[in-house]
Amino acid sequence: MPFREINSKMVEATVVPGQKMYSQRGAMLAYKGEVSFTPNIAGGQGGLMSMIGRRVADEATPLMTVEGSGTVMFGHGGHHIQVIGLTGDTLYVEADRLLAFDGTLQQGTMFMGSQGGVMGMVRGQVTGQGLFTTTLKGHGAVAVMAHGGVIELPITPGRPVHVDPQAYVAHHGDVRNKLSTALGWRDMVGRGSGEAFQLELSGSGAVYVQASEEKL
C-alpha cells in the first residue's frame, strides 16, 4: 500500500518510476524527490467515456497525474482521511471525496439508478449525492475524505446495514443499495436533511460512514 497515515488529516504516498498515481487537484501539501504533477484531462484510468459520464453527472472532479520518484504528502480542506485497500473488488465513492489513488486501479462511472431502479434515482435527488458514482476496481489503495472520522461497518448476507444517506462515504464488495423509508419514526432516526430515508445496503462487503451529515 503506497499510503502512510501521518495523522488523521494527512497521508504520505510513495511514488516510484513507471507507476502513476492520481490525486485531486490542490491536494498536494509537500513532496520530496523528482515528482511531476500534470493536469489530467482524460478522466484517469476510465478514459474518455468515464470522463463524459462524470461531466454529464456534474461529477468531473479535476484530477492530477502524479509520476516520478519520491514521496508526496496529501491533504485537503482539513478533512479526515481514510485509506481503503482493495484486493480485486470495486469501491463505490462520490468523486469529490477522492483524495488520491493508485494508477493501477481501473476507474469508471456507475449510474446509481441501476441499483434499486427508480429508488436509486430518488436517492440521488433526495440526498444530494450524484446519480452517477465513481468506481475504482482492482488491487491498490484509495485515500478518501470525510467529516469527523470514519468507521467501517461490515455487510454480511442476511444482515443489511442502514445508513443515514448524508453520513454515507463509500462502500465496496458485492453490495446492493436501495432507499428505504422510516415512516412513523422519521423524527427519531437520523440527523440529516432526509430523516425519512435510510440507505439500505445488503450483500457482502463493507460500508464507510462518517461522523457527520455534512457534505464536502
Protein backbone atom coordinates (compact mmCIF):
# COMPACT_ATOMS: atom_id res chain seq x y z
CA MET A 1 0.00 0.00 0.00
CA PRO A 2 1.64 3.32 -1.09
CA PHE A 3 -0.08 5.45 1.58
CA ARG A 4 1.23 6.06 5.08
CA GLU A 5 -1.03 7.88 7.51
CA ILE A 6 0.84 10.83 9.05
CA ASN A 7 -2.18 11.84 11.12
CA SER A 8 -5.95 11.80 10.70
CA LYS A 9 -5.81 14.59 8.09
CA MET A 10 -2.59 13.89 6.17
CA VAL A 11 -1.20 10.91 4.27
CA GLU A 12 2.16 10.33 2.61
CA ALA A 13 2.37 8.46 -0.68
CA THR A 14 5.39 6.74 -2.19
CA VAL A 15 5.81 7.43 -5.91
CA VAL A 16 8.01 5.03 -7.89
CA PRO A 17 9.24 5.22 -11.50
CA GLY A 18 6.90 3.67 -14.05
CA GLN A 19 3.82 3.79 -11.82
CA LYS A 20 1.24 6.57 -11.86
CA MET A 21 -0.95 7.93 -9.12
CA TYR A 22 -3.93 10.24 -9.37
CA SER A 23 -4.90 12.94 -6.91
CA GLN A 24 -7.46 15.66 -6.58
CA ARG A 25 -6.12 18.99 -7.75
CA GLY A 26 -4.95 21.10 -4.85
CA ALA A 27 -4.43 18.07 -2.61
CA MET A 28 -0.60 18.14 -2.68
CA LEU A 29 0.80 19.65 0.53
CA ALA A 30 4.53 18.93 0.08
CA TYR A 31 6.83 16.49 -1.70
CA LYS A 32 10.40 15.21 -1.77
CA GLY A 33 12.27 13.85 -4.77
CA GLU A 34 11.74 14.15 -8.51
CA VAL A 35 7.96 14.18 -8.78
CA SER A 36 5.80 15.74 -11.51
CA PHE A 37 2.15 16.80 -11.36
CA THR A 38 0.21 17.01 -14.62
CA PRO A 39 -3.45 18.02 -15.07
CA ASN A 40 -5.42 15.01 -16.25
CA ILE A 41 -7.98 15.82 -18.94
CA ALA A 42 -8.88 12.24 -19.91
CA GLY A 43 -10.62 11.22 -16.70
CA GLY A 44 -7.90 8.96 -15.25
CA GLN A 45 -7.89 5.23 -15.94
CA GLY A 46 -11.54 5.34 -17.04
CA GLY A 47 -10.60 7.23 -20.18
CA LEU A 48 -12.79 9.50 -22.24
CA MET A 49 -16.12 7.74 -21.70
CA SER A 50 -15.64 7.77 -17.95
CA MET A 51 -14.90 11.49 -18.12
CA ILE A 52 -18.01 12.14 -20.25
CA GLY A 53 -20.16 10.18 -17.80
CA ARG A 54 -18.91 12.26 -14.88
CA ARG A 55 -19.34 15.54 -16.77
CA VAL A 56 -22.94 14.66 -17.64
CA ALA A 57 -23.48 13.95 -13.95
CA ASP A 58 -21.62 17.12 -12.90
CA GLU A 59 -19.09 14.96 -11.07
CA ALA A 60 -15.99 15.78 -13.12
CA THR A 61 -13.69 16.39 -10.15
CA PRO A 62 -10.35 17.59 -11.61
CA LEU A 63 -7.50 15.12 -11.21
CA MET A 64 -3.73 15.36 -11.33
CA THR A 65 -1.43 12.64 -12.65
CA VAL A 66 1.45 12.12 -10.21
CA GLU A 67 4.65 10.49 -11.53
CA GLY A 68 8.34 10.22 -10.77
CA SER A 69 10.34 9.10 -7.77
CA GLY A 70 9.82 10.39 -4.25
CA THR A 71 7.20 10.93 -1.58
CA VAL A 72 4.18 13.23 -1.60
CA MET A 73 2.05 14.44 1.32
CA PHE A 74 -1.65 14.83 0.58
CA GLY A 75 -4.47 16.54 2.44
CA HIS A 76 -7.39 18.78 1.58
CA GLY A 77 -9.54 21.25 3.48
CA GLY A 78 -8.63 19.78 6.85
CA HIS A 79 -10.88 16.78 6.13
CA HIS A 80 -10.39 13.43 7.83
CA ILE A 81 -8.68 10.93 5.51
CA GLN A 82 -9.45 7.21 5.35
CA VAL A 83 -7.18 4.82 3.43
CA ILE A 84 -9.02 1.87 1.86
CA GLY A 85 -7.20 -1.13 0.43
CA LEU A 86 -8.75 -3.01 -2.49
CA THR A 87 -7.91 -6.63 -3.30
CA GLY A 88 -9.68 -7.08 -6.61
CA ASP A 89 -13.08 -5.73 -5.61
CA THR A 90 -14.79 -2.45 -6.53
CA LEU A 91 -15.07 0.69 -4.43
CA TYR A 92 -18.07 2.96 -4.96
CA VAL A 93 -17.39 6.54 -3.86
CA GLU A 94 -18.54 10.06 -4.70
CA ALA A 95 -15.96 11.73 -6.96
CA ASP A 96 -15.44 14.77 -4.75
CA ARG A 97 -14.40 12.51 -1.84
CA LEU A 98 -11.39 11.12 -3.69
CA LEU A 99 -8.11 12.49 -2.38
CA ALA A 100 -5.65 10.18 -4.17
CA PHE A 101 -5.48 6.62 -5.51
CA ASP A 102 -3.23 4.10 -7.25
CA GLY A 103 -2.99 4.47 -11.00
CA THR A 104 -3.30 0.68 -11.32
CA LEU A 105 -6.95 0.88 -10.30
CA GLN A 106 -9.49 0.91 -13.11
CA GLN A 107 -11.69 3.97 -12.86
CA GLY A 108 -15.27 4.07 -14.09
CA THR A 109 -18.71 5.56 -13.52
CA MET A 110 -21.89 3.78 -12.41
CA PHE A 111 -25.43 5.11 -12.79
CA MET A 112 -26.97 4.70 -9.34
CA GLY A 113 -30.40 4.17 -10.87
CA SER A 114 -29.18 0.72 -11.99
CA GLN A 115 -29.12 -0.33 -8.32
CA GLY A 116 -32.59 -0.01 -6.91
CA GLY A 117 -34.27 1.22 -10.09
CA VAL A 118 -36.36 4.35 -9.59
CA MET A 119 -35.47 4.46 -5.90
CA GLY A 120 -31.82 4.63 -6.87
CA MET A 121 -32.59 7.82 -8.77
CA VAL A 122 -34.65 9.17 -5.87
CA ARG A 123 -31.61 8.63 -3.65
CA GLY A 124 -29.53 10.93 -5.82
CA GLN A 125 -32.15 13.67 -5.83
CA VAL A 126 -33.20 13.50 -2.18
CA THR A 127 -29.79 13.13 -0.57
CA GLY A 128 -27.87 15.49 -2.82
CA GLN A 129 -25.49 12.72 -3.91
CA GLY A 130 -24.91 12.32 -7.62
CA LEU A 131 -26.89 9.94 -9.79
CA PHE A 132 -23.51 8.79 -11.06
CA THR A 133 -20.97 7.35 -8.63
CA THR A 134 -17.27 6.85 -9.34
CA THR A 135 -15.98 3.27 -9.22
CA LEU A 136 -12.41 2.09 -8.61
CA LYS A 137 -11.62 -1.56 -9.24
CA GLY A 138 -8.53 -3.74 -8.84
CA HIS A 139 -5.64 -4.13 -6.44
CA GLY A 140 -4.40 -0.97 -4.77
CA ALA A 141 -5.17 1.74 -2.26
CA VAL A 142 -7.52 4.73 -2.19
CA ALA A 143 -7.47 7.73 0.15
CA VAL A 144 -10.93 9.23 0.62
CA MET A 145 -12.07 12.31 2.55
CA ALA A 146 -14.79 12.61 5.17
CA HIS A 147 -16.01 14.81 8.00
CA GLY A 148 -15.24 13.94 11.62
CA GLY A 149 -13.72 10.49 11.22
CA VAL A 150 -14.86 7.27 9.55
CA ILE A 151 -16.00 3.86 10.76
CA GLU A 152 -16.06 0.72 8.60
CA LEU A 153 -19.19 -1.39 9.05
CA PRO A 154 -19.21 -4.96 7.65
CA ILE A 155 -22.13 -6.03 5.47
CA THR A 156 -22.93 -9.75 5.64
CA PRO A 157 -25.61 -11.83 3.87
CA GLY A 158 -28.93 -11.61 5.67
CA ARG A 159 -27.78 -8.67 7.81
CA PRO A 160 -28.24 -5.43 5.83
CA VAL A 161 -26.86 -2.15 7.16
CA HIS A 162 -28.96 1.01 7.22
CA VAL A 163 -27.12 4.31 6.90
CA ASP A 164 -28.18 7.94 7.05
CA PRO A 165 -27.59 8.94 3.39
CA GLN A 166 -25.86 12.15 4.50
CA ALA A 167 -23.34 10.12 6.54
CA TYR A 168 -22.54 7.68 3.72
CA VAL A 169 -18.96 7.90 2.38
CA ALA A 170 -18.32 4.81 0.24
CA HIS A 171 -18.79 1.05 0.06
CA HIS A 172 -17.12 -1.95 -1.56
CA GLY A 173 -17.86 -5.60 -2.21
CA ASP A 174 -20.84 -7.43 -3.69
CA VAL A 175 -23.36 -4.98 -2.29
CA ARG A 176 -26.73 -3.72 -3.45
CA ASN A 177 -28.25 -0.49 -2.21
CA LYS A 178 -31.74 0.89 -2.06
CA LEU A 179 -33.52 3.75 -0.36
CA SER A 180 -35.87 2.73 2.46
CA THR A 181 -38.29 4.91 4.38
CA ALA A 182 -38.72 5.39 8.11
CA LEU A 183 -42.38 6.37 8.08
CA GLY A 184 -43.83 6.55 11.58
CA TRP A 185 -40.47 7.25 13.25
CA ARG A 186 -38.87 9.75 10.92
CA ASP A 187 -38.47 12.33 13.70
CA MET A 188 -36.46 9.92 15.85
CA VAL A 189 -33.93 8.45 13.42
CA GLY A 190 -31.14 10.19 11.55
CA ARG A 191 -29.94 13.76 11.72
CA GLY A 192 -29.54 14.61 8.05
CA SER A 193 -31.94 16.62 5.91
CA GLY A 194 -33.59 13.40 4.70
CA GLU A 195 -34.51 11.76 8.02
CA ALA A 196 -37.40 9.93 6.35
CA PHE A 197 -34.96 7.94 4.23
CA GLN A 198 -32.21 5.47 5.01
CA LEU A 199 -29.78 3.91 2.59
CA GLU A 200 -30.07 0.13 2.94
CA LEU A 201 -27.01 -1.88 1.87
CA SER A 202 -27.19 -5.66 1.61
CA GLY A 203 -24.92 -8.45 0.39
CA SER A 204 -21.30 -8.99 1.31
CA GLY A 205 -18.77 -6.19 1.78
CA ALA A 206 -18.37 -3.06 3.88
CA VAL A 207 -19.69 0.49 4.08
CA TYR A 208 -17.79 3.53 5.35
CA VAL A 209 -19.75 6.00 7.46
CA GLN A 210 -18.59 9.46 8.56
CA ALA A 211 -19.33 11.04 11.95
CA SER A 212 -21.26 13.88 10.37
CA GLU A 213 -24.12 14.59 7.99
CA GLU A 214 -22.18 17.40 6.32
CA LYS A 215 -21.24 17.14 2.65
CA LEU A 216 -17.75 18.06 1.46
